[in-house]
All heavy atoms as atom14 arrays in JSON, in Angstrom:
{
  "sequence": "HAPLPLAAGADTGFDGSPRETAAARLIVDAAAQATPDAKLTVVCG",
  "atom14_mask": [
    [1, 1, 1, 1, 1, 1, 1, 1, 1, 1, 0, 0, 0, 0],
    [1, 1, 1, 1, 1, 0, 0, 0, 0, 0, 0, 0, 0, 0],
    [1, 1, 1, 1, 1, 1, 1, 0, 0, 0, 0, 0, 0, 0],
    [1, 1, 1, 1, 1, 1, 1, 1, 0, 0, 0, 0, 0, 0],
    [1, 1, 1, 1, 1, 1, 1, 0, 0, 0, 0, 0, 0, 0],
    [1, 1, 1, 1, 1, 1, 1, 1, 0, 0, 0, 0, 0, 0],
    [1, 1, 1, 1, 1, 0, 0, 0, 0, 0, 0, 0, 0, 0],
    [1, 1, 1, 1, 1, 0, 0, 0, 0, 0, 0, 0, 0, 0],
    [1, 1, 1, 1, 0, 0, 0, 0, 0, 0, 0, 0, 0, 0],
    [1, 1, 1, 1, 1, 0, 0, 0, 0, 0, 0, 0, 0, 0],
    [1, 1, 1, 1, 1, 1, 1, 1, 0, 0, 0, 0, 0, 0],
    [1, 1, 1, 1, 1, 1, 1, 0, 0, 0, 0, 0, 0, 0],
    [1, 1, 1, 1, 0, 0, 0, 0, 0, 0, 0, 0, 0, 0],
    [1, 1, 1, 1, 1, 1, 1, 1, 1, 1, 1, 0, 0, 0],
    [1, 1, 1, 1, 1, 1, 1, 1, 0, 0, 0, 0, 0, 0],
    [1, 1, 1, 1, 0, 0, 0, 0, 0, 0, 0, 0, 0, 0],
    [1, 1, 1, 1, 1, 1, 0, 0, 0, 0, 0, 0, 0, 0],
    [1, 1, 1, 1, 1, 1, 1, 0, 0, 0, 0, 0, 0, 0],
    [1, 1, 1, 1, 1, 1, 1, 1, 1, 1, 1, 0, 0, 0],
    [1, 1, 1, 1, 1, 1, 1, 1, 1, 0, 0, 0, 0, 0],
    [1, 1, 1, 1, 1, 1, 1, 0, 0, 0, 0, 0, 0, 0],
    [1, 1, 1, 1, 1, 0, 0, 0, 0, 0, 0, 0, 0, 0],
    [1, 1, 1, 1, 1, 0, 0, 0, 0, 0, 0, 0, 0, 0],
    [1, 1, 1, 1, 1, 0, 0, 0, 0, 0, 0, 0, 0, 0],
    [1, 1, 1, 1, 1, 1, 1, 1, 1, 1, 1, 0, 0, 0],
    [1, 1, 1, 1, 1, 1, 1, 1, 0, 0, 0, 0, 0, 0],
    [1, 1, 1, 1, 1, 1, 1, 1, 0, 0, 0, 0, 0, 0],
    [1, 1, 1, 1, 1, 1, 1, 0, 0, 0, 0, 0, 0, 0],
    [1, 1, 1, 1, 1, 1, 1, 1, 0, 0, 0, 0, 0, 0],
    [1, 1, 1, 1, 1, 0, 0, 0, 0, 0, 0, 0, 0, 0],
    [1, 1, 1, 1, 1, 0, 0, 0, 0, 0, 0, 0, 0, 0],
    [1, 1, 1, 1, 1, 0, 0, 0, 0, 0, 0, 0, 0, 0],
    [1, 1, 1, 1, 1, 1, 1, 1, 1, 0, 0, 0, 0, 0],
    [1, 1, 1, 1, 1, 0, 0, 0, 0, 0, 0, 0, 0, 0],
    [1, 1, 1, 1, 1, 1, 1, 0, 0, 0, 0, 0, 0, 0],
    [1, 1, 1, 1, 1, 1, 1, 0, 0, 0, 0, 0, 0, 0],
    [1, 1, 1, 1, 1, 1, 1, 1, 0, 0, 0, 0, 0, 0],
    [1, 1, 1, 1, 1, 0, 0, 0, 0, 0, 0, 0, 0, 0],
    [1, 1, 1, 1, 1, 1, 1, 1, 1, 0, 0, 0, 0, 0],
    [1, 1, 1, 1, 1, 1, 1, 1, 0, 0, 0, 0, 0, 0],
    [1, 1, 1, 1, 1, 1, 1, 0, 0, 0, 0, 0, 0, 0],
    [1, 1, 1, 1, 1, 1, 1, 0, 0, 0, 0, 0, 0, 0],
    [1, 1, 1, 1, 1, 1, 1, 0, 0, 0, 0, 0, 0, 0],
    [1, 1, 1, 1, 1, 1, 0, 0, 0, 0, 0, 0, 0, 0],
    [1, 1, 1, 1, 0, 0, 0, 0, 0, 0, 0, 0, 0, 0]
  ],
  "atom14_positions": [
    [[2.78, -12.55, 16.87], [3.39, -11.41, 16.36], [2.84, -10.17, 16.83], [1.7, -10.01, 17.12], [3.52, -11.38, 14.84], [4.51, -10.7, 14.2], [4.39, -9.36, 14.01], [5.75, -11.02, 13.67], [5.45, -8.74, 13.41], [6.16, -9.86, 13.15], [0.0, 0.0, 0.0], [0.0, 0.0, 0.0], [0.0, 0.0, 0.0], [0.0, 0.0, 0.0]],
    [[3.67, -9.05, 16.97], [3.19, -7.8, 17.4], [2.21, -7.42, 16.35], [2.27, -7.72, 15.15], [4.27, -6.8, 17.51], [0.0, 0.0, 0.0], [0.0, 0.0, 0.0], [0.0, 0.0, 0.0], [0.0, 0.0, 0.0], [0.0, 0.0, 0.0], [0.0, 0.0, 0.0], [0.0, 0.0, 0.0], [0.0, 0.0, 0.0], [0.0, 0.0, 0.0]],
    [[1.13, -6.65, 16.78], [0.07, -6.1, 15.74], [0.81, -5.38, 14.51], [1.76, -4.59, 14.81], [-0.74, -5.23, 16.45], [-0.63, -5.77, 17.99], [0.86, -6.22, 18.02], [0.0, 0.0, 0.0], [0.0, 0.0, 0.0], [0.0, 0.0, 0.0], [0.0, 0.0, 0.0], [0.0, 0.0, 0.0], [0.0, 0.0, 0.0], [0.0, 0.0, 0.0]],
    [[0.34, -5.57, 13.4], [0.8, -4.8, 12.11], [-0.42, -4.2, 11.37], [-1.47, -4.83, 11.54], [1.45, -5.77, 11.26], [2.86, -6.23, 11.52], [3.39, -7.26, 10.4], [3.83, -4.91, 11.4], [0.0, 0.0, 0.0], [0.0, 0.0, 0.0], [0.0, 0.0, 0.0], [0.0, 0.0, 0.0], [0.0, 0.0, 0.0], [0.0, 0.0, 0.0]],
    [[-0.35, -3.13, 10.77], [-1.42, -2.65, 9.84], [-1.77, -3.65, 8.84], [-0.88, -4.22, 8.07], [-0.81, -1.35, 9.27], [0.24, -0.92, 10.13], [0.83, -2.2, 10.68], [0.0, 0.0, 0.0], [0.0, 0.0, 0.0], [0.0, 0.0, 0.0], [0.0, 0.0, 0.0], [0.0, 0.0, 0.0], [0.0, 0.0, 0.0], [0.0, 0.0, 0.0]],
    [[-3.0, -4.03, 8.7], [-3.41, -4.98, 7.65], [-4.61, -4.36, 6.93], [-5.53, -3.79, 7.55], [-3.95, -6.28, 8.4], [-3.01, -7.07, 9.21], [-3.62, -8.15, 10.02], [-1.88, -7.69, 8.61], [0.0, 0.0, 0.0], [0.0, 0.0, 0.0], [0.0, 0.0, 0.0], [0.0, 0.0, 0.0], [0.0, 0.0, 0.0], [0.0, 0.0, 0.0]],
    [[-4.56, -4.44, 5.57], [-5.59, -3.74, 4.9], [-5.9, -4.59, 3.63], [-5.08, -5.09, 2.91], [-5.09, -2.38, 4.37], [0.0, 0.0, 0.0], [0.0, 0.0, 0.0], [0.0, 0.0, 0.0], [0.0, 0.0, 0.0], [0.0, 0.0, 0.0], [0.0, 0.0, 0.0], [0.0, 0.0, 0.0], [0.0, 0.0, 0.0], [0.0, 0.0, 0.0]],
    [[-7.2, -4.64, 3.24], [-7.7, -5.28, 2.01], [-7.98, -4.25, 0.91], [-8.2, -3.07, 1.18], [-9.08, -6.0, 2.31], [0.0, 0.0, 0.0], [0.0, 0.0, 0.0], [0.0, 0.0, 0.0], [0.0, 0.0, 0.0], [0.0, 0.0, 0.0], [0.0, 0.0, 0.0], [0.0, 0.0, 0.0], [0.0, 0.0, 0.0], [0.0, 0.0, 0.0]],
    [[-7.69, -4.7, -0.2], [-7.93, -3.9, -1.51], [-9.27, -4.15, -2.08], [-10.18, -4.74, -1.36], [0.0, 0.0, 0.0], [0.0, 0.0, 0.0], [0.0, 0.0, 0.0], [0.0, 0.0, 0.0], [0.0, 0.0, 0.0], [0.0, 0.0, 0.0], [0.0, 0.0, 0.0], [0.0, 0.0, 0.0], [0.0, 0.0, 0.0], [0.0, 0.0, 0.0]],
    [[-9.35, -3.73, -3.28], [-10.69, -3.79, -3.97], [-10.88, -5.3, -4.26], [-9.96, -6.15, -4.55], [-10.7, -3.08, -5.27], [0.0, 0.0, 0.0], [0.0, 0.0, 0.0], [0.0, 0.0, 0.0], [0.0, 0.0, 0.0], [0.0, 0.0, 0.0], [0.0, 0.0, 0.0], [0.0, 0.0, 0.0], [0.0, 0.0, 0.0], [0.0, 0.0, 0.0]],
    [[-12.25, -5.73, -4.55], [-12.58, -6.93, -5.08], [-12.69, -7.02, -6.65], [-13.22, -8.19, -7.14], [-13.8, -7.45, -4.31], [-13.7, -7.97, -2.99], [-12.66, -8.54, -2.7], [-14.63, -7.84, -2.15], [0.0, 0.0, 0.0], [0.0, 0.0, 0.0], [0.0, 0.0, 0.0], [0.0, 0.0, 0.0], [0.0, 0.0, 0.0], [0.0, 0.0, 0.0]],
    [[-12.25, -6.01, -7.21], [-12.29, -5.89, -8.71], [-10.94, -5.39, -9.23], [-10.22, -4.69, -8.47], [-13.39, -5.08, -9.21], [-13.25, -3.67, -8.7], [-14.75, -5.56, -8.89], [0.0, 0.0, 0.0], [0.0, 0.0, 0.0], [0.0, 0.0, 0.0], [0.0, 0.0, 0.0], [0.0, 0.0, 0.0], [0.0, 0.0, 0.0], [0.0, 0.0, 0.0]],
    [[-10.62, -5.69, -10.46], [-9.3, -5.31, -10.98], [-9.18, -3.8, -11.18], [-10.17, -2.95, -11.04], [0.0, 0.0, 0.0], [0.0, 0.0, 0.0], [0.0, 0.0, 0.0], [0.0, 0.0, 0.0], [0.0, 0.0, 0.0], [0.0, 0.0, 0.0], [0.0, 0.0, 0.0], [0.0, 0.0, 0.0], [0.0, 0.0, 0.0], [0.0, 0.0, 0.0]],
    [[-7.99, -3.4, -11.39], [-7.65, -2.0, -11.51], [-8.42, -1.37, -12.71], [-8.46, -1.97, -13.8], [-6.06, -1.89, -11.88], [-5.67, -0.51, -12.05], [-5.61, 0.4, -11.07], [-5.13, -0.09, -13.32], [-5.13, 1.72, -11.23], [-4.72, 1.22, -13.56], [-4.67, 1.98, -12.51], [0.0, 0.0, 0.0], [0.0, 0.0, 0.0], [0.0, 0.0, 0.0]],
    [[-9.09, -0.16, -12.53], [-9.81, 0.24, -13.58], [-9.31, 1.68, -14.1], [-9.98, 2.32, -14.88], [-11.33, 0.49, -13.06], [-11.47, 1.38, -11.95], [-10.47, 2.14, -11.57], [-12.52, 1.57, -11.4], [0.0, 0.0, 0.0], [0.0, 0.0, 0.0], [0.0, 0.0, 0.0], [0.0, 0.0, 0.0], [0.0, 0.0, 0.0], [0.0, 0.0, 0.0]],
    [[-8.12, 2.04, -13.53], [-7.52, 3.36, -14.02], [-7.9, 4.61, -13.22], [-7.23, 5.6, -13.41], [0.0, 0.0, 0.0], [0.0, 0.0, 0.0], [0.0, 0.0, 0.0], [0.0, 0.0, 0.0], [0.0, 0.0, 0.0], [0.0, 0.0, 0.0], [0.0, 0.0, 0.0], [0.0, 0.0, 0.0], [0.0, 0.0, 0.0], [0.0, 0.0, 0.0]],
    [[-8.93, 4.52, -12.44], [-9.41, 5.57, -11.68], [-8.58, 5.65, -10.3], [-8.09, 4.57, -9.9], [-10.85, 5.46, -11.33], [-11.15, 4.35, -10.56], [0.0, 0.0, 0.0], [0.0, 0.0, 0.0], [0.0, 0.0, 0.0], [0.0, 0.0, 0.0], [0.0, 0.0, 0.0], [0.0, 0.0, 0.0], [0.0, 0.0, 0.0], [0.0, 0.0, 0.0]],
    [[-8.39, 6.81, -9.7], [-7.8, 6.84, -8.3], [-8.69, 6.22, -7.25], [-9.43, 7.16, -6.45], [-7.5, 8.37, -8.22], [-8.65, 8.98, -8.98], [-8.97, 8.12, -10.17], [0.0, 0.0, 0.0], [0.0, 0.0, 0.0], [0.0, 0.0, 0.0], [0.0, 0.0, 0.0], [0.0, 0.0, 0.0], [0.0, 0.0, 0.0], [0.0, 0.0, 0.0]],
    [[-8.61, 5.07, -6.96], [-9.38, 4.44, -5.86], [-8.55, 4.32, -4.57], [-7.44, 3.85, -4.49], [-9.68, 2.85, -6.31], [-10.47, 2.68, -7.45], [-10.86, 1.17, -7.78], [-9.77, 0.39, -7.84], [-9.91, -0.96, -8.21], [-11.05, -1.44, -8.38], [-8.72, -1.69, -8.32], [0.0, 0.0, 0.0], [0.0, 0.0, 0.0], [0.0, 0.0, 0.0]],
    [[-9.19, 4.91, -3.5], [-8.54, 5.07, -2.31], [-9.0, 3.85, -1.41], [-9.83, 3.89, -0.55], [-8.79, 6.26, -1.55], [-7.94, 6.37, -0.3], [-7.8, 7.82, 0.19], [-8.3, 8.72, -0.5], [-7.1, 7.9, 1.29], [0.0, 0.0, 0.0], [0.0, 0.0, 0.0], [0.0, 0.0, 0.0], [0.0, 0.0, 0.0], [0.0, 0.0, 0.0]],
    [[-8.5, 2.7, -1.75], [-8.81, 1.5, -0.92], [-7.94, 1.48, 0.31], [-6.81, 2.11, 0.33], [-8.56, 0.16, -1.74], [-7.12, 0.05, -1.97], [-9.32, 0.06, -3.04], [0.0, 0.0, 0.0], [0.0, 0.0, 0.0], [0.0, 0.0, 0.0], [0.0, 0.0, 0.0], [0.0, 0.0, 0.0], [0.0, 0.0, 0.0], [0.0, 0.0, 0.0]],
    [[-8.21, 0.69, 1.23], [-7.43, 0.57, 2.48], [-6.04, 0.18, 2.17], [-5.06, 0.66, 2.74], [-8.17, -0.17, 3.54], [0.0, 0.0, 0.0], [0.0, 0.0, 0.0], [0.0, 0.0, 0.0], [0.0, 0.0, 0.0], [0.0, 0.0, 0.0], [0.0, 0.0, 0.0], [0.0, 0.0, 0.0], [0.0, 0.0, 0.0], [0.0, 0.0, 0.0]],
    [[-5.89, -0.79, 1.28], [-4.65, -1.37, 0.86], [-3.79, -0.32, 0.26], [-2.58, -0.14, 0.61], [-4.81, -2.65, 0.07], [0.0, 0.0, 0.0], [0.0, 0.0, 0.0], [0.0, 0.0, 0.0], [0.0, 0.0, 0.0], [0.0, 0.0, 0.0], [0.0, 0.0, 0.0], [0.0, 0.0, 0.0], [0.0, 0.0, 0.0], [0.0, 0.0, 0.0]],
    [[-4.42, 0.41, -0.77], [-3.66, 1.44, -1.54], [-3.16, 2.56, -0.44], [-2.05, 3.03, -0.56], [-4.44, 2.02, -2.6], [0.0, 0.0, 0.0], [0.0, 0.0, 0.0], [0.0, 0.0, 0.0], [0.0, 0.0, 0.0], [0.0, 0.0, 0.0], [0.0, 0.0, 0.0], [0.0, 0.0, 0.0], [0.0, 0.0, 0.0], [0.0, 0.0, 0.0]],
    [[-4.02, 2.97, 0.49], [-3.67, 3.99, 1.33], [-2.5, 3.48, 2.31], [-1.69, 4.22, 2.62], [-4.91, 4.34, 2.13], [-4.63, 5.37, 3.35], [-3.88, 6.49, 2.99], [-4.52, 7.37, 1.94], [-3.92, 8.34, 1.39], [-2.63, 8.66, 1.58], [-4.53, 8.95, 0.4], [0.0, 0.0, 0.0], [0.0, 0.0, 0.0], [0.0, 0.0, 0.0]],
    [[-2.63, 2.23, 2.76], [-1.43, 1.7, 3.63], [-0.28, 1.79, 2.78], [0.94, 2.24, 3.27], [-1.72, 0.28, 3.95], [-0.9, -0.41, 5.1], [-1.6, -1.58, 5.66], [0.4, -0.92, 4.5], [0.0, 0.0, 0.0], [0.0, 0.0, 0.0], [0.0, 0.0, 0.0], [0.0, 0.0, 0.0], [0.0, 0.0, 0.0], [0.0, 0.0, 0.0]],
    [[-0.1, 1.41, 1.54], [1.08, 1.42, 0.76], [1.49, 2.89, 0.57], [2.76, 3.17, 0.81], [0.86, 0.64, -0.64], [0.68, -0.85, -0.48], [2.11, 0.95, -1.5], [0.22, -1.6, -1.7], [0.0, 0.0, 0.0], [0.0, 0.0, 0.0], [0.0, 0.0, 0.0], [0.0, 0.0, 0.0], [0.0, 0.0, 0.0], [0.0, 0.0, 0.0]],
    [[0.73, 3.84, 0.21], [0.94, 5.2, 0.04], [1.52, 5.83, 1.4], [2.57, 6.49, 1.35], [-0.21, 5.96, -0.45], [0.09, 7.46, -0.36], [-0.5, 5.55, -1.78], [0.0, 0.0, 0.0], [0.0, 0.0, 0.0], [0.0, 0.0, 0.0], [0.0, 0.0, 0.0], [0.0, 0.0, 0.0], [0.0, 0.0, 0.0], [0.0, 0.0, 0.0]],
    [[0.95, 5.55, 2.48], [1.4, 6.11, 3.67], [2.74, 5.52, 3.97], [3.56, 6.3, 4.7], [0.4, 5.87, 4.8], [-0.95, 6.7, 4.62], [-0.85, 7.56, 3.8], [-1.88, 6.41, 5.29], [0.0, 0.0, 0.0], [0.0, 0.0, 0.0], [0.0, 0.0, 0.0], [0.0, 0.0, 0.0], [0.0, 0.0, 0.0], [0.0, 0.0, 0.0]],
    [[3.03, 4.3, 3.94], [4.29, 3.67, 4.19], [5.35, 4.27, 3.3], [6.54, 4.61, 3.71], [4.35, 2.15, 4.08], [0.0, 0.0, 0.0], [0.0, 0.0, 0.0], [0.0, 0.0, 0.0], [0.0, 0.0, 0.0], [0.0, 0.0, 0.0], [0.0, 0.0, 0.0], [0.0, 0.0, 0.0], [0.0, 0.0, 0.0], [0.0, 0.0, 0.0]],
    [[5.05, 4.4, 2.0], [6.05, 5.01, 0.98], [6.3, 6.47, 1.27], [7.39, 6.94, 0.99], [5.58, 4.8, -0.35], [0.0, 0.0, 0.0], [0.0, 0.0, 0.0], [0.0, 0.0, 0.0], [0.0, 0.0, 0.0], [0.0, 0.0, 0.0], [0.0, 0.0, 0.0], [0.0, 0.0, 0.0], [0.0, 0.0, 0.0], [0.0, 0.0, 0.0]],
    [[5.3, 7.08, 1.92], [5.58, 8.5, 2.21], [6.57, 8.75, 3.25], [7.31, 9.85, 3.39], [4.25, 9.14, 2.72], [0.0, 0.0, 0.0], [0.0, 0.0, 0.0], [0.0, 0.0, 0.0], [0.0, 0.0, 0.0], [0.0, 0.0, 0.0], [0.0, 0.0, 0.0], [0.0, 0.0, 0.0], [0.0, 0.0, 0.0], [0.0, 0.0, 0.0]],
    [[6.89, 7.73, 4.09], [7.93, 7.75, 5.16], [9.32, 7.39, 4.59], [10.25, 7.38, 5.36], [7.45, 6.89, 6.21], [6.23, 7.31, 6.96], [5.76, 6.34, 8.07], [6.45, 5.94, 8.89], [4.65, 5.85, 8.08], [0.0, 0.0, 0.0], [0.0, 0.0, 0.0], [0.0, 0.0, 0.0], [0.0, 0.0, 0.0], [0.0, 0.0, 0.0]],
    [[9.32, 6.94, 3.33], [10.57, 6.51, 2.74], [11.28, 7.6, 2.1], [10.69, 8.78, 1.87], [10.33, 5.39, 1.82], [0.0, 0.0, 0.0], [0.0, 0.0, 0.0], [0.0, 0.0, 0.0], [0.0, 0.0, 0.0], [0.0, 0.0, 0.0], [0.0, 0.0, 0.0], [0.0, 0.0, 0.0], [0.0, 0.0, 0.0], [0.0, 0.0, 0.0]],
    [[12.4, 7.38, 1.43], [13.18, 8.51, 0.65], [13.73, 7.73, -0.67], [13.8, 6.49, -0.6], [14.35, 8.97, 1.47], [15.43, 7.98, 1.75], [13.9, 9.63, 2.83], [0.0, 0.0, 0.0], [0.0, 0.0, 0.0], [0.0, 0.0, 0.0], [0.0, 0.0, 0.0], [0.0, 0.0, 0.0], [0.0, 0.0, 0.0], [0.0, 0.0, 0.0]],
    [[14.21, 8.47, -1.58], [14.71, 7.86, -2.76], [15.99, 7.0, -2.35], [16.34, 6.02, -3.08], [15.1, 9.02, -3.68], [13.98, 9.97, -3.32], [13.92, 9.9, -1.83], [0.0, 0.0, 0.0], [0.0, 0.0, 0.0], [0.0, 0.0, 0.0], [0.0, 0.0, 0.0], [0.0, 0.0, 0.0], [0.0, 0.0, 0.0], [0.0, 0.0, 0.0]],
    [[16.64, 7.28, -1.27], [17.79, 6.63, -0.87], [17.5, 5.47, 0.07], [18.39, 4.55, 0.31], [18.83, 7.53, -0.19], [19.35, 8.61, -1.16], [19.53, 8.19, -2.37], [19.61, 9.67, -0.77], [0.0, 0.0, 0.0], [0.0, 0.0, 0.0], [0.0, 0.0, 0.0], [0.0, 0.0, 0.0], [0.0, 0.0, 0.0], [0.0, 0.0, 0.0]],
    [[16.36, 5.47, 0.68], [15.95, 4.28, 1.61], [14.49, 4.04, 1.24], [13.52, 4.41, 1.96], [16.08, 4.82, 3.08], [0.0, 0.0, 0.0], [0.0, 0.0, 0.0], [0.0, 0.0, 0.0], [0.0, 0.0, 0.0], [0.0, 0.0, 0.0], [0.0, 0.0, 0.0], [0.0, 0.0, 0.0], [0.0, 0.0, 0.0], [0.0, 0.0, 0.0]],
    [[14.34, 3.33, 0.14], [12.87, 3.06, -0.37], [12.14, 1.99, 0.49], [12.77, 1.27, 1.18], [13.15, 2.64, -1.86], [13.74, 3.74, -2.76], [13.64, 3.04, -4.22], [14.27, 4.11, -5.21], [14.13, 3.75, -6.53], [0.0, 0.0, 0.0], [0.0, 0.0, 0.0], [0.0, 0.0, 0.0], [0.0, 0.0, 0.0], [0.0, 0.0, 0.0]],
    [[10.9, 2.24, 0.24], [9.98, 1.3, 0.88], [10.08, 0.09, -0.24], [9.96, 0.2, -1.45], [8.48, 1.76, 0.93], [7.49, 0.71, 1.29], [7.68, 0.31, 2.77], [6.1, 1.18, 0.99], [0.0, 0.0, 0.0], [0.0, 0.0, 0.0], [0.0, 0.0, 0.0], [0.0, 0.0, 0.0], [0.0, 0.0, 0.0], [0.0, 0.0, 0.0]],
    [[10.17, -1.16, 0.28], [10.1, -2.39, -0.61], [8.55, -2.95, -0.45], [8.22, -3.16, 0.53], [11.11, -3.38, -0.22], [12.34, -2.91, -0.33], [10.92, -4.65, -0.99], [0.0, 0.0, 0.0], [0.0, 0.0, 0.0], [0.0, 0.0, 0.0], [0.0, 0.0, 0.0], [0.0, 0.0, 0.0], [0.0, 0.0, 0.0], [0.0, 0.0, 0.0]],
    [[7.98, -3.05, -1.68], [6.72, -3.7, -1.64], [6.94, -5.08, -2.29], [7.29, -5.17, -3.46], [5.73, -2.95, -2.5], [4.39, -3.65, -2.63], [5.37, -1.57, -1.92], [0.0, 0.0, 0.0], [0.0, 0.0, 0.0], [0.0, 0.0, 0.0], [0.0, 0.0, 0.0], [0.0, 0.0, 0.0], [0.0, 0.0, 0.0], [0.0, 0.0, 0.0]],
    [[6.7, -6.11, -1.45], [6.85, -7.48, -2.01], [5.48, -8.02, -2.38], [4.58, -8.0, -1.59], [7.4, -8.4, -0.95], [7.56, -9.85, -1.43], [8.8, -7.92, -0.55], [0.0, 0.0, 0.0], [0.0, 0.0, 0.0], [0.0, 0.0, 0.0], [0.0, 0.0, 0.0], [0.0, 0.0, 0.0], [0.0, 0.0, 0.0], [0.0, 0.0, 0.0]],
    [[5.25, -8.25, -3.62], [3.94, -8.65, -4.18], [4.06, -10.01, -4.8], [4.78, -10.23, -5.75], [3.49, -7.7, -5.22], [1.83, -8.11, -5.89], [0.0, 0.0, 0.0], [0.0, 0.0, 0.0], [0.0, 0.0, 0.0], [0.0, 0.0, 0.0], [0.0, 0.0, 0.0], [0.0, 0.0, 0.0], [0.0, 0.0, 0.0], [0.0, 0.0, 0.0]],
    [[3.33, -10.98, -4.25], [3.29, -12.35, -4.8], [2.04, -12.63, -5.37], [1.6, -13.91, -5.59], [0.0, 0.0, 0.0], [0.0, 0.0, 0.0], [0.0, 0.0, 0.0], [0.0, 0.0, 0.0], [0.0, 0.0, 0.0], [0.0, 0.0, 0.0], [0.0, 0.0, 0.0], [0.0, 0.0, 0.0], [0.0, 0.0, 0.0], [0.0, 0.0, 0.0]]
  ]
}
């Protein structure tokens, strides 16, 4: 497959603080390119 951005998150659970993990930054940057009419879909399993 063509290369894709891949990022790991934290090794601990959410603690309520603004943690800038690589995974969070990837999601934020991808969503920043979206609009309310053409949303980014985050599929979380």
